[in-house]
């Protein structure tokens, strides 16, 4: 399996944990804030256990900026599923347009803009 695929899988797992750490507590507004902060930190630790290796593995074959845009797209995709399935909040057309714009950023980050160009 290529490092890019390995990184994408690990980033997806990391982002599932991250999304729960950042937004999962919204269903538990009755719980004291300090408790959800500590619980979220525990979840974030697990997220880092996937995120850090994902970046190390991915950086073997792609620059950090490509890893970052891939992570952002994965984050939004995971959040869309989380929003609908866990928070019961719908995804609207304008959310999809915004997501599409972020996905379009991938074109600019992954395209080879150096071919045929000359320094001025």
PDB file of N, CA and C in Angstrom:
ATOM      1  N   UNK A   1       0.847  -1.171   0.000  1.00  0.00           N
ATOM      2  CA  UNK A   1       0.000   0.000   0.000  1.00  0.00           C
ATOM      3  C   UNK A   1       0.900   1.245   0.000  1.00  0.00           C
ATOM      4  N   UNK A   2       0.549   2.212  -0.820  1.00  0.00           N
ATOM      5  CA  UNK A   2       1.382   3.411  -0.954  1.00  0.00           C
ATOM      6  C   UNK A   2       1.315   4.265   0.314  1.00  0.00           C
ATOM      7  N   UNK A   3       2.381   5.027   0.566  1.00  0.00           N
ATOM      8  CA  UNK A   3       2.370   5.927   1.724  1.00  0.00           C
ATOM      9  C   UNK A   3       1.199   6.917   1.692  1.00  0.00           C
ATOM     10  N   UNK A   4       0.805   7.374   0.507  1.00  0.00           N
ATOM     11  CA  UNK A   4      -0.311   8.326   0.417  1.00  0.00           C
ATOM     12  C   UNK A   4      -1.619   7.683   0.874  1.00  0.00           C
ATOM     13  N   UNK A   5      -1.845   6.440   0.483  1.00  0.00           N
ATOM     14  CA  UNK A   5      -3.055   5.718   0.895  1.00  0.00           C
ATOM     15  C   UNK A   5      -3.008   5.438   2.393  1.00  0.00           C
ATOM     16  N   UNK A   6      -1.856   5.010   2.885  1.00  0.00           N
ATOM     17  CA  UNK A   6      -1.705   4.777   4.328  1.00  0.00           C
ATOM     18  C   UNK A   6      -1.993   6.059   5.105  1.00  0.00           C
ATOM     19  N   UNK A   7      -1.439   7.161   4.621  1.00  0.00           N
ATOM     20  CA  UNK A   7      -1.657   8.445   5.289  1.00  0.00           C
ATOM     21  C   UNK A   7      -3.132   8.821   5.273  1.00  0.00           C
ATOM     22  N   UNK A   8      -3.800   8.626   4.144  1.00  0.00           N
ATOM     23  CA  UNK A   8      -5.221   8.973   4.042  1.00  0.00           C
ATOM     24  C   UNK A   8      -6.062   8.142   5.008  1.00  0.00           C
ATOM     25  N   UNK A   9      -5.752   6.868   5.133  1.00  0.00           N
ATOM     26  CA  UNK A   9      -6.498   6.001   6.065  1.00  0.00           C
ATOM     27  C   UNK A   9      -6.272   6.457   7.504  1.00  0.00           C
ATOM     28  N   UNK A  10      -5.018   6.692   7.858  1.00  0.00           N
ATOM     29  CA  UNK A  10      -4.711   7.148   9.221  1.00  0.00           C
ATOM     30  C   UNK A  10      -5.316   8.520   9.499  1.00  0.00           C
ATOM     31  N   UNK A  11      -5.286   9.411   8.509  1.00  0.00           N
ATOM     32  CA  UNK A  11      -5.896  10.733   8.687  1.00  0.00           C
ATOM     33  C   UNK A  11      -7.402  10.629   8.884  1.00  0.00           C
ATOM     34  N   UNK A  12      -8.025   9.709   8.192  1.00  0.00           N
ATOM     35  CA  UNK A  12      -9.473   9.517   8.356  1.00  0.00           C
ATOM     36  C   UNK A  12      -9.787   9.050   9.774  1.00  0.00           C
ATOM     37  N   UNK A  13      -9.036   8.072  10.257  1.00  0.00           N
ATOM     38  CA  UNK A  13      -9.242   7.591  11.631  1.00  0.00           C
ATOM     39  C   UNK A  13      -8.991   8.718  12.622  1.00  0.00           C
ATOM     40  N   UNK A  14      -7.901   9.452  12.430  1.00  0.00           N
ATOM     41  CA  UNK A  14      -7.573  10.567  13.321  1.00  0.00           C
ATOM     42  C   UNK A  14      -8.693  11.601  13.329  1.00  0.00           C
ATOM     43  N   UNK A  15      -9.243  11.897  12.159  1.00  0.00           N
ATOM     44  CA  UNK A  15     -10.277  12.919  12.079  1.00  0.00           C
ATOM     45  C   UNK A  15     -11.593  12.480  12.699  1.00  0.00           C
ATOM     46  N   UNK A  16     -11.862  11.188  12.691  1.00  0.00           N
ATOM     47  CA  UNK A  16     -13.052  10.707  13.401  1.00  0.00           C
ATOM     48  C   UNK A  16     -12.898  10.998  14.902  1.00  0.00           C
ATOM     49  N   UNK A  17     -11.741  10.667  15.456  1.00  0.00           N
ATOM     50  CA  UNK A  17     -11.498  10.971  16.866  1.00  0.00           C
ATOM     51  C   UNK A  17     -11.502  12.480  17.120  1.00  0.00           C
ATOM     52  N   UNK A  18     -10.865  13.243  16.234  1.00  0.00           N
ATOM     53  CA  UNK A  18     -10.805  14.689  16.408  1.00  0.00           C
ATOM     54  C   UNK A  18     -12.204  15.305  16.426  1.00  0.00           C
ATOM     55  N   UNK A  19     -13.056  14.851  15.518  1.00  0.00           N
ATOM     56  CA  UNK A  19     -14.397  15.408  15.430  1.00  0.00           C
ATOM     57  C   UNK A  19     -15.183  15.122  16.707  1.00  0.00           C
ATOM     58  N   UNK A  20     -15.035  13.919  17.239  1.00  0.00           N
ATOM     59  CA  UNK A  20     -15.702  13.616  18.515  1.00  0.00           C
ATOM     60  C   UNK A  20     -15.112  14.441  19.653  1.00  0.00           C
ATOM     61  N   UNK A  21     -13.794  14.644  19.642  1.00  0.00           N
ATOM     62  CA  UNK A  21     -13.164  15.444  20.695  1.00  0.00           C
ATOM     63  C   UNK A  21     -13.647  16.890  20.643  1.00  0.00           C
ATOM     64  N   UNK A  22     -13.782  17.445  19.452  1.00  0.00           N
ATOM     65  CA  UNK A  22     -14.156  18.848  19.306  1.00  0.00           C
ATOM     66  C   UNK A  22     -15.650  19.095  19.415  1.00  0.00           C
ATOM     67  N   UNK A  23     -16.468  18.169  18.913  1.00  0.00           N
ATOM     68  CA  UNK A  23     -17.900  18.442  18.793  1.00  0.00           C
ATOM     69  C   UNK A  23     -18.798  17.432  19.504  1.00  0.00           C
ATOM     70  N   UNK A  24     -18.276  16.302  19.922  1.00  0.00           N
ATOM     71  CA  UNK A  24     -19.102  15.278  20.556  1.00  0.00           C
ATOM     72  C   UNK A  24     -19.776  15.745  21.831  1.00  0.00           C
ATOM     73  N   UNK A  25     -19.110  16.614  22.550  1.00  0.00           N
ATOM     74  CA  UNK A  25     -19.648  17.104  23.821  1.00  0.00           C
ATOM     75  C   UNK A  25     -20.881  17.992  23.653  1.00  0.00           C
ATOM     76  N   UNK A  26     -21.170  18.427  22.438  1.00  0.00           N
ATOM     77  CA  UNK A  26     -22.317  19.306  22.225  1.00  0.00           C
ATOM     78  C   UNK A  26     -23.640  18.631  22.573  1.00  0.00           C
ATOM     79  N   UNK A  27     -23.651  17.319  22.606  1.00  0.00           N
ATOM     80  CA  UNK A  27     -24.852  16.586  23.028  1.00  0.00           C
ATOM     81  C   UNK A  27     -24.944  16.475  24.551  1.00  0.00           C
ATOM     82  N   UNK A  28     -23.922  16.909  25.243  1.00  0.00           N
ATOM     83  CA  UNK A  28     -23.872  16.781  26.702  1.00  0.00           C
ATOM     84  C   UNK A  28     -23.676  18.147  27.362  1.00  0.00           C
ATOM     85  N   UNK A  29     -24.531  19.070  27.032  1.00  0.00           N
ATOM     86  CA  UNK A  29     -24.395  20.439  27.550  1.00  0.00           C
ATOM     87  C   UNK A  29     -24.635  20.521  29.057  1.00  0.00           C
ATOM     88  N   UNK A  30     -25.240  19.493  29.633  1.00  0.00           N
ATOM     89  CA  UNK A  30     -25.500  19.457  31.070  1.00  0.00           C
ATOM     90  C   UNK A  30     -24.247  19.073  31.877  1.00  0.00           C
ATOM     91  N   UNK A  31     -23.227  18.545  31.208  1.00  0.00           N
ATOM     92  CA  UNK A  31     -21.991  18.140  31.879  1.00  0.00           C
ATOM     93  C   UNK A  31     -21.098  19.362  32.044  1.00  0.00           C
ATOM     94  N   UNK A  32     -20.457  19.470  33.205  1.00  0.00           N
ATOM     95  CA  UNK A  32     -19.566  20.600  33.469  1.00  0.00           C
ATOM     96  C   UNK A  32     -18.505  20.723  32.384  1.00  0.00           C
ATOM     97  N   UNK A  33     -18.196  21.956  32.023  1.00  0.00           N
ATOM     98  CA  UNK A  33     -17.237  22.224  30.953  1.00  0.00           C
ATOM     99  C   UNK A  33     -15.877  21.606  31.241  1.00  0.00           C
ATOM    100  N   UNK A  34     -15.389  21.701  32.466  1.00  0.00           N
ATOM    101  CA  UNK A  34     -14.067  21.155  32.781  1.00  0.00           C
ATOM    102  C   UNK A  34     -14.015  19.647  32.560  1.00  0.00           C
ATOM    103  N   UNK A  35     -15.135  18.966  32.783  1.00  0.00           N
ATOM    104  CA  UNK A  35     -15.183  17.523  32.564  1.00  0.00           C
ATOM    105  C   UNK A  35     -15.111  17.182  31.076  1.00  0.00           C
ATOM    106  N   UNK A  36     -15.848  17.932  30.271  1.00  0.00           N
ATOM    107  CA  UNK A  36     -15.806  17.628  28.831  1.00  0.00           C
ATOM    108  C   UNK A  36     -14.465  18.024  28.228  1.00  0.00           C
ATOM    109  N   UNK A  37     -13.829  19.047  28.792  1.00  0.00           N
ATOM    110  CA  UNK A  37     -12.493  19.415  28.313  1.00  0.00           C
ATOM    111  C   UNK A  37     -11.509  18.274  28.583  1.00  0.00           C
ATOM    112  N   UNK A  38     -11.525  17.737  29.789  1.00  0.00           N
ATOM    113  CA  UNK A  38     -10.628  16.617  30.111  1.00  0.00           C
ATOM    114  C   UNK A  38     -10.939  15.399  29.263  1.00  0.00           C
ATOM    115  N   UNK A  39     -12.213  15.096  29.097  1.00  0.00           N
ATOM    116  CA  UNK A  39     -12.600  13.950  28.273  1.00  0.00           C
ATOM    117  C   UNK A  39     -12.162  14.167  26.823  1.00  0.00           C
ATOM    118  N   UNK A  40     -12.349  15.390  26.321  1.00  0.00           N
ATOM    119  CA  UNK A  40     -11.937  15.704  24.953  1.00  0.00           C
ATOM    120  C   UNK A  40     -10.432  15.589  24.782  1.00  0.00           C
ATOM    121  N   UNK A  41      -9.676  15.980  25.784  1.00  0.00           N
ATOM    122  CA  UNK A  41      -8.227  15.823  25.724  1.00  0.00           C
ATOM    123  C   UNK A  41      -7.838  14.363  25.606  1.00  0.00           C
ATOM    124  N   UNK A  42      -8.552  13.496  26.311  1.00  0.00           N
ATOM    125  CA  UNK A  42      -8.294  12.061  26.214  1.00  0.00           C
ATOM    126  C   UNK A  42      -8.544  11.541  24.806  1.00  0.00           C
ATOM    127  N   UNK A  43      -9.624  12.003  24.203  1.00  0.00           N
ATOM    128  CA  UNK A  43      -9.930  11.611  22.822  1.00  0.00           C
ATOM    129  C   UNK A  43      -8.870  12.180  21.875  1.00  0.00           C
ATOM    130  N   UNK A  44      -8.464  13.417  22.129  1.00  0.00           N
ATOM    131  CA  UNK A  44      -7.462  14.060  21.272  1.00  0.00           C
ATOM    132  C   UNK A  44      -6.129  13.312  21.328  1.00  0.00           C
ATOM    133  N   UNK A  45      -5.803  12.726  22.476  1.00  0.00           N
ATOM    134  CA  UNK A  45      -4.574  11.933  22.557  1.00  0.00           C
ATOM    135  C   UNK A  45      -4.623  10.769  21.569  1.00  0.00           C
ATOM    136  N   UNK A  46      -5.766  10.085  21.523  1.00  0.00           N
ATOM    137  CA  UNK A  46      -5.920   8.970  20.581  1.00  0.00           C
ATOM    138  C   UNK A  46      -5.819   9.492  19.151  1.00  0.00           C
ATOM    139  N   UNK A  47      -6.425  10.646  18.900  1.00  0.00           N
ATOM    140  CA  UNK A  47      -6.346  11.262  17.563  1.00  0.00           C
ATOM    141  C   UNK A  47      -4.887  11.495  17.167  1.00  0.00           C
ATOM    142  N   UNK A  48      -4.086  12.019  18.082  1.00  0.00           N
ATOM    143  CA  UNK A  48      -2.673  12.275  17.793  1.00  0.00           C
ATOM    144  C   UNK A  48      -1.914  10.990  17.505  1.00  0.00           C
ATOM    145  N   UNK A  49      -2.336   9.890  18.111  1.00  0.00           N
ATOM    146  CA  UNK A  49      -1.680   8.599  17.868  1.00  0.00           C
ATOM    147  C   UNK A  49      -1.853   8.131  16.431  1.00  0.00           C
ATOM    148  N   UNK A  50      -2.845   8.668  15.733  1.00  0.00           N
ATOM    149  CA  UNK A  50      -3.040   8.368  14.309  1.00  0.00           C
ATOM    150  C   UNK A  50      -2.528   9.513  13.431  1.00  0.00           C
ATOM    151  N   UNK A  51      -2.720  10.743  13.876  1.00  0.00           N
ATOM    152  CA  UNK A  51      -2.357  11.925  13.083  1.00  0.00           C
ATOM    153  C   UNK A  51      -0.855  12.025  12.857  1.00  0.00           C
ATOM    154  N   UNK A  52      -0.086  11.857  13.907  1.00  0.00           N
ATOM    155  CA  UNK A  52       1.368  12.014  13.793  1.00  0.00           C
ATOM    156  C   UNK A  52       1.971  10.958  12.862  1.00  0.00           C
ATOM    157  N   UNK A  53       1.641   9.668  13.028  1.00  0.00           N
ATOM    158  CA  UNK A  53       2.154   8.686  12.062  1.00  0.00           C
ATOM    159  C   UNK A  53       1.675   8.945  10.636  1.00  0.00           C
ATOM    160  N   UNK A  54       0.433   9.406  10.490  1.00  0.00           N
ATOM    161  CA  UNK A  54      -0.084   9.711   9.144  1.00  0.00           C
ATOM    162  C   UNK A  54       0.784  10.753   8.464  1.00  0.00           C
ATOM    163  N   UNK A  55       1.148  11.797   9.197  1.00  0.00           N
ATOM    164  CA  UNK A  55       1.974  12.848   8.611  1.00  0.00           C
ATOM    165  C   UNK A  55       3.395  12.360   8.333  1.00  0.00           C
ATOM    166  N   UNK A  56       3.935  11.546   9.217  1.00  0.00           N
ATOM    167  CA  UNK A  56       5.271  10.999   8.986  1.00  0.00           C
ATOM    168  C   UNK A  56       5.292  10.118   7.744  1.00  0.00           C
ATOM    169  N   UNK A  57       4.290   9.241   7.632  1.00  0.00           N
ATOM    170  CA  UNK A  57       4.218   8.321   6.491  1.00  0.00           C
ATOM    171  C   UNK A  57       3.946   9.084   5.203  1.00  0.00           C
ATOM    172  N   UNK A  58       2.979   9.981   5.234  1.00  0.00           N
ATOM    173  CA  UNK A  58       2.621  10.741   4.041  1.00  0.00           C
ATOM    174  C   UNK A  58       3.735  11.637   3.541  1.00  0.00           C
ATOM    175  N   UNK A  59       4.512  12.184   4.480  1.00  0.00           N
ATOM    176  CA  UNK A  59       5.582  13.109   4.102  1.00  0.00           C
ATOM    177  C   UNK A  59       6.726  12.413   3.384  1.00  0.00           C
ATOM    178  N   UNK A  60       6.714  11.085   3.364  1.00  0.00           N
ATOM    179  CA  UNK A  60       7.733  10.349   2.611  1.00  0.00           C
ATOM    180  C   UNK A  60       7.587  10.603   1.112  1.00  0.00           C
ATOM    181  N   UNK A  61       6.350  10.829   0.652  1.00  0.00           N
ATOM    182  CA  UNK A  61       6.114  10.961  -0.787  1.00  0.00           C
ATOM    183  C   UNK A  61       5.416  12.257  -1.187  1.00  0.00           C
ATOM    184  N   UNK A  62       5.006  13.075  -0.234  1.00  0.00           N
ATOM    185  CA  UNK A  62       4.334  14.335  -0.598  1.00  0.00           C
ATOM    186  C   UNK A  62       4.738  15.435   0.371  1.00  0.00           C
ATOM    187  N   UNK A  63       4.732  16.668  -0.120  1.00  0.00           N
ATOM    188  CA  UNK A  63       5.068  17.792   0.755  1.00  0.00           C
ATOM    189  C   UNK A  63       3.968  18.023   1.791  1.00  0.00           C
ATOM    190  N   UNK A  64       4.326  18.729   2.853  1.00  0.00           N
ATOM    191  CA  UNK A  64       3.401  18.983   3.959  1.00  0.00           C
ATOM    192  C   UNK A  64       2.139  19.712   3.508  1.00  0.00           C
ATOM    193  N   UNK A  65       2.247  20.603   2.541  1.00  0.00           N
ATOM    194  CA  UNK A  65       1.068  21.344   2.098  1.00  0.00           C
ATOM    195  C   UNK A  65       0.037  20.402   1.465  1.00  0.00           C
ATOM    196  N   UNK A  66       0.491  19.383   0.770  1.00  0.00           N
ATOM    197  CA  UNK A  66      -0.438  18.401   0.208  1.00  0.00           C
ATOM    198  C   UNK A  66      -1.079  17.566   1.312  1.00  0.00           C
ATOM    199  N   UNK A  67      -0.292  17.196   2.307  1.00  0.00           N
ATOM    200  CA  UNK A  67      -0.859  16.477   3.450  1.00  0.00           C
ATOM    201  C   UNK A  67      -1.933  17.320   4.139  1.00  0.00           C
ATOM    202  N   UNK A  68      -1.655  18.606   4.286  1.00  0.00           N
ATOM    203  CA  UNK A  68      -2.591  19.489   4.983  1.00  0.00           C
ATOM    204  C   UNK A  68      -3.908  19.624   4.228  1.00  0.00           C
ATOM    205  N   UNK A  69      -3.858  19.836   2.924  1.00  0.00           N
ATOM    206  CA  UNK A  69      -5.109  19.991   2.178  1.00  0.00           C
ATOM    207  C   UNK A  69      -5.873  18.676   2.147  1.00  0.00           C
ATOM    208  N   UNK A  70      -5.154  17.547   2.082  1.00  0.00           N
ATOM    209  CA  UNK A  70      -5.817  16.250   2.140  1.00  0.00           C
ATOM    210  C   UNK A  70      -6.498  16.085   3.501  1.00  0.00           C
ATOM    211  N   UNK A  71      -5.826  16.480   4.564  1.00  0.00           N
ATOM    212  CA  UNK A  71      -6.391  16.390   5.906  1.00  0.00           C
ATOM    213  C   UNK A  71      -7.627  17.273   6.034  1.00  0.00           C
ATOM    214  N   UNK A  72      -7.599  18.468   5.466  1.00  0.00           N
ATOM    215  CA  UNK A  72      -8.752  19.372   5.547  1.00  0.00           C
ATOM    216  C   UNK A  72      -9.965  18.789   4.828  1.00  0.00           C
ATOM    217  N   UNK A  73      -9.743  18.191   3.686  1.00  0.00           N
ATOM    218  CA  UNK A  73     -10.849  17.589   2.932  1.00  0.00           C
ATOM    219  C   UNK A  73     -11.422  16.400   3.699  1.00  0.00           C
ATOM    220  N   UNK A  74     -10.546  15.585   4.265  1.00  0.00           N
ATOM    221  CA  UNK A  74     -11.007  14.462   5.082  1.00  0.00           C
ATOM    222  C   UNK A  74     -11.785  14.985   6.287  1.00  0.00           C
ATOM    223  N   UNK A  75     -11.279  16.047   6.923  1.00  0.00           N
ATOM    224  CA  UNK A  75     -11.955  16.632   8.078  1.00  0.00           C
ATOM    225  C   UNK A  75     -13.372  17.063   7.734  1.00  0.00           C
ATOM    226  N   UNK A  76     -13.537  17.738   6.619  1.00  0.00           N
ATOM    227  CA  UNK A  76     -14.865  18.211   6.228  1.00  0.00           C
ATOM    228  C   UNK A  76     -15.785  17.038   5.903  1.00  0.00           C
ATOM    229  N   UNK A  77     -15.272  16.042   5.212  1.00  0.00           N
ATOM    230  CA  UNK A  77     -16.096  14.872   4.882  1.00  0.00           C
ATOM    231  C   UNK A  77     -16.538  14.150   6.152  1.00  0.00           C
ATOM    232  N   UNK A  78     -15.609  13.945   7.085  1.00  0.00           N
ATOM    233  CA  UNK A  78     -15.948  13.297   8.351  1.00  0.00           C
ATOM    234  C   UNK A  78     -16.963  14.143   9.111  1.00  0.00           C
ATOM    235  N   UNK A  79     -16.745  15.456   9.123  1.00  0.00           N
ATOM    236  CA  UNK A  79     -17.665  16.332   9.850  1.00  0.00           C
ATOM    237  C   UNK A  79     -19.068  16.305   9.250  1.00  0.00           C
ATOM    238  N   UNK A  80     -19.173  16.243   7.939  1.00  0.00           N
ATOM    239  CA  UNK A  80     -20.499  16.176   7.301  1.00  0.00           C
ATOM    240  C   UNK A  80     -21.261  14.943   7.769  1.00  0.00           C
ATOM    241  N   UNK A  81     -20.606  13.810   7.789  1.00  0.00           N
ATOM    242  CA  UNK A  81     -21.245  12.577   8.267  1.00  0.00           C
ATOM    243  C   UNK A  81     -21.605  12.721   9.750  1.00  0.00           C
ATOM    244  N   UNK A  82     -20.687  13.229  10.546  1.00  0.00           N
ATOM    245  CA  UNK A  82     -20.904  13.427  11.977  1.00  0.00           C
ATOM    246  C   UNK A  82     -22.077  14.367  12.232  1.00  0.00           C
ATOM    247  N   UNK A  83     -22.125  15.456  11.486  1.00  0.00           N
ATOM    248  CA  UNK A  83     -23.186  16.446  11.663  1.00  0.00           C
ATOM    249  C   UNK A  83     -24.561  15.844  11.454  1.00  0.00           C
ATOM    250  N   UNK A  84     -24.686  15.050  10.406  1.00  0.00           N
ATOM    251  CA  UNK A  84     -25.981  14.430  10.090  1.00  0.00           C
ATOM    252  C   UNK A  84     -26.277  13.265  11.029  1.00  0.00           C
ATOM    253  N   UNK A  85     -25.313  12.366  11.215  1.00  0.00           N
ATOM    254  CA  UNK A  85     -25.557  11.126  11.948  1.00  0.00           C
ATOM    255  C   UNK A  85     -25.570  11.308  13.457  1.00  0.00           C
ATOM    256  N   UNK A  86     -24.725  12.171  13.991  1.00  0.00           N
ATOM    257  CA  UNK A  86     -24.590  12.288  15.448  1.00  0.00           C
ATOM    258  C   UNK A  86     -25.333  13.508  16.001  1.00  0.00           C
ATOM    259  N   UNK A  87     -25.155  14.650  15.346  1.00  0.00           N
ATOM    260  CA  UNK A  87     -25.796  15.876  15.848  1.00  0.00           C
ATOM    261  C   UNK A  87     -27.197  16.100  15.274  1.00  0.00           C
ATOM    262  N   UNK A  88     -27.557  15.299  14.286  1.00  0.00           N
ATOM    263  CA  UNK A  88     -28.862  15.448  13.615  1.00  0.00           C
ATOM    264  C   UNK A  88     -29.043  16.843  13.017  1.00  0.00           C
ATOM    265  N   UNK A  89     -27.964  17.391  12.504  1.00  0.00           N
ATOM    266  CA  UNK A  89     -27.998  18.685  11.835  1.00  0.00           C
ATOM    267  C   UNK A  89     -27.807  18.449  10.340  1.00  0.00           C
ATOM    268  N   UNK A  90     -28.714  18.968   9.527  1.00  0.00           N
ATOM    269  CA  UNK A  90     -28.631  18.692   8.085  1.00  0.00           C
ATOM    270  C   UNK A  90     -27.490  19.440   7.409  1.00  0.00           C
ATOM    271  N   UNK A  91     -27.055  18.875   6.299  1.00  0.00           N
ATOM    272  CA  UNK A  91     -26.094  19.560   5.427  1.00  0.00           C
ATOM    273  C   UNK A  91     -26.919  20.247   4.349  1.00  0.00           C
ATOM    274  N   UNK A  92     -26.723  21.537   4.192  1.00  0.00           N
ATOM    275  CA  UNK A  92     -27.498  22.322   3.229  1.00  0.00           C
ATOM    276  C   UNK A  92     -26.674  22.551   1.958  1.00  0.00           C
ATOM    277  N   UNK A  93     -27.327  23.072   0.955  1.00  0.00           N
ATOM    278  CA  UNK A  93     -26.672  23.268  -0.338  1.00  0.00           C
ATOM    279  C   UNK A  93     -25.455  24.182  -0.216  1.00  0.00           C
ATOM    280  N   UNK A  94     -25.568  25.227   0.611  1.00  0.00           N
ATOM    281  CA  UNK A  94     -24.443  26.157   0.736  1.00  0.00           C
ATOM    282  C   UNK A  94     -23.254  25.497   1.440  1.00  0.00           C
ATOM    283  N   UNK A  95     -23.514  24.545   2.318  1.00  0.00           N
ATOM    284  CA  UNK A  95     -22.426  23.791   2.940  1.00  0.00           C
ATOM    285  C   UNK A  95     -21.701  22.958   1.885  1.00  0.00           C
ATOM    286  N   UNK A  96     -22.477  22.352   0.998  1.00  0.00           N
ATOM    287  CA  UNK A  96     -21.885  21.543  -0.073  1.00  0.00           C
ATOM    288  C   UNK A  96     -21.067  22.400  -1.037  1.00  0.00           C
ATOM    289  N   UNK A  97     -21.541  23.608  -1.318  1.00  0.00           N
ATOM    290  CA  UNK A  97     -20.779  24.523  -2.180  1.00  0.00           C
ATOM    291  C   UNK A  97     -19.452  24.870  -1.513  1.00  0.00           C
ATOM    292  N   UNK A  98     -19.506  25.183  -0.223  1.00  0.00           N
ATOM    293  CA  UNK A  98     -18.272  25.506   0.505  1.00  0.00           C
ATOM    294  C   UNK A  98     -17.315  24.315   0.502  1.00  0.00           C
ATOM    295  N   UNK A  99     -17.855  23.119   0.703  1.00  0.00           N
ATOM    296  CA  UNK A  99     -17.036  21.918   0.672  1.00  0.00           C
ATOM    297  C   UNK A  99     -16.411  21.744  -0.710  1.00  0.00           C
ATOM    298  N   UNK A 100     -17.192  21.986  -1.752  1.00  0.00           N
ATOM    299  CA  UNK A 100     -16.681  21.891  -3.117  1.00  0.00           C
ATOM    300  C   UNK A 100     -15.533  22.850  -3.375  1.00  0.00           C
ATOM    301  N   UNK A 101     -15.609  24.040  -2.800  1.00  0.00           N
ATOM    302  CA  UNK A 101     -14.529  25.017  -2.965  1.00  0.00           C
ATOM    303  C   UNK A 101     -13.241  24.540  -2.290  1.00  0.00           C
ATOM    304  N   UNK A 102     -13.386  23.928  -1.126  1.00  0.00           N
ATOM    305  CA  UNK A 102     -12.201  23.393  -0.453  1.00  0.00           C
ATOM    306  C   UNK A 102     -11.620  22.239  -1.262  1.00  0.00           C
ATOM    307  N   UNK A 103     -12.490  21.381  -1.779  1.00  0.00           N
ATOM    308  CA  UNK A 103     -12.017  20.272  -2.616  1.00  0.00           C
ATOM    309  C   UNK A 103     -11.309  20.815  -3.856  1.00  0.00           C
ATOM    310  N   UNK A 104     -11.817  21.897  -4.413  1.00  0.00           N
ATOM    311  CA  UNK A 104     -11.157  22.480  -5.588  1.00  0.00           C
ATOM    312  C   UNK A 104      -9.745  22.969  -5.252  1.00  0.00           C
ATOM    313  N   UNK A 105      -9.502  23.309  -4.000  1.00  0.00           N
ATOM    314  CA  UNK A 105      -8.156  23.708  -3.588  1.00  0.00           C
ATOM    315  C   UNK A 105      -7.164  22.574  -3.804  1.00  0.00           C
ATOM    316  N   UNK A 106      -7.658  21.357  -3.730  1.00  0.00           N
ATOM    317  CA  UNK A 106      -6.785  20.196  -3.938  1.00  0.00           C
ATOM    318  C   UNK A 106      -6.159  20.238  -5.332  1.00  0.00           C
ATOM    319  N   UNK A 107      -6.917  20.683  -6.317  1.00  0.00           N
ATOM    320  CA  UNK A 107      -6.387  20.803  -7.677  1.00  0.00           C
ATOM    321  C   UNK A 107      -5.163  21.714  -7.696  1.00  0.00           C
ATOM    322  N   UNK A 108      -5.264  22.855  -7.042  1.00  0.00           N
ATOM    323  CA  UNK A 108      -4.175  23.814  -7.068  1.00  0.00           C
ATOM    324  C   UNK A 108      -2.960  23.345  -6.270  1.00  0.00           C
ATOM    325  N   UNK A 109      -3.201  22.575  -5.231  1.00  0.00           N
ATOM    326  CA  UNK A 109      -2.092  22.096  -4.407  1.00  0.00           C
ATOM    327  C   UNK A 109      -1.388  20.899  -5.043  1.00  0.00           C
ATOM    328  N   UNK A 110      -2.158  20.018  -5.693  1.00  0.00           N
ATOM    329  CA  UNK A 110      -1.577  18.794  -6.235  1.00  0.00           C
ATOM    330  C   UNK A 110      -1.108  18.929  -7.690  1.00  0.00           C
ATOM    331  N   UNK A 111      -1.556  19.944  -8.411  1.00  0.00           N
ATOM    332  CA  UNK A 111      -1.128  20.122  -9.802  1.00  0.00           C
ATOM    333  C   UNK A 111       0.352  20.511  -9.855  1.00  0.00           C
ATOM    334  N   UNK A 112       1.013  20.078 -10.895  1.00  0.00           N
ATOM    335  CA  UNK A 112       2.421  20.420 -11.094  1.00  0.00           C
ATOM    336  C   UNK A 112       2.487  21.710 -11.881  1.00  0.00           C
ATOM    337  N   UNK A 113       2.757  22.806 -11.200  1.00  0.00           N
ATOM    338  CA  UNK A 113       2.782  24.123 -11.830  1.00  0.00           C
ATOM    339  C   UNK A 113       4.177  24.509 -12.309  1.00  0.00           C
ATOM    340  N   UNK A 114       5.146  23.616 -12.148  1.00  0.00           N
ATOM    341  CA  UNK A 114       6.519  23.955 -12.530  1.00  0.00           C
ATOM    342  C   UNK A 114       6.837  23.546 -13.959  1.00  0.00           C
ATOM    343  N   UNK A 115       6.060  22.685 -14.562  1.00  0.00           N
ATOM    344  CA  UNK A 115       6.333  22.201 -15.908  1.00  0.00           C
ATOM    345  C   UNK A 115       6.282  23.341 -16.912  1.00  0.00           C
ATOM    346  N   UNK A 116       7.360  23.542 -17.609  1.00  0.00           N
ATOM    347  CA  UNK A 116       7.403  24.560 -18.655  1.00  0.00           C
ATOM    348  C   UNK A 116       7.565  25.985 -18.165  1.00  0.00           C
ATOM    349  N   UNK A 117       7.621  26.181 -16.859  1.00  0.00           N
ATOM    350  CA  UNK A 117       7.756  27.548 -16.378  1.00  0.00           C
ATOM    351  C   UNK A 117       9.232  27.918 -16.273  1.00  0.00           C
ATOM    352  N   UNK A 118       9.484  29.208 -16.429  1.00  0.00           N
ATOM    353  CA  UNK A 118      10.839  29.700 -16.334  1.00  0.00           C
ATOM    354  C   UNK A 118      10.889  30.792 -15.286  1.00  0.00           C
ATOM    355  N   UNK A 119      11.968  30.811 -14.532  1.00  0.00           N
ATOM    356  CA  UNK A 119      12.141  31.856 -13.518  1.00  0.00           C
ATOM    357  C   UNK A 119      12.347  33.187 -14.204  1.00  0.00           C
ATOM    358  N   UNK A 120      11.800  34.208 -13.615  1.00  0.00           N
ATOM    359  CA  UNK A 120      11.917  35.564 -14.181  1.00  0.00           C
ATOM    360  C   UNK A 120      12.984  36.331 -13.462  1.00  0.00           C
TER     361      UNK A 120
END
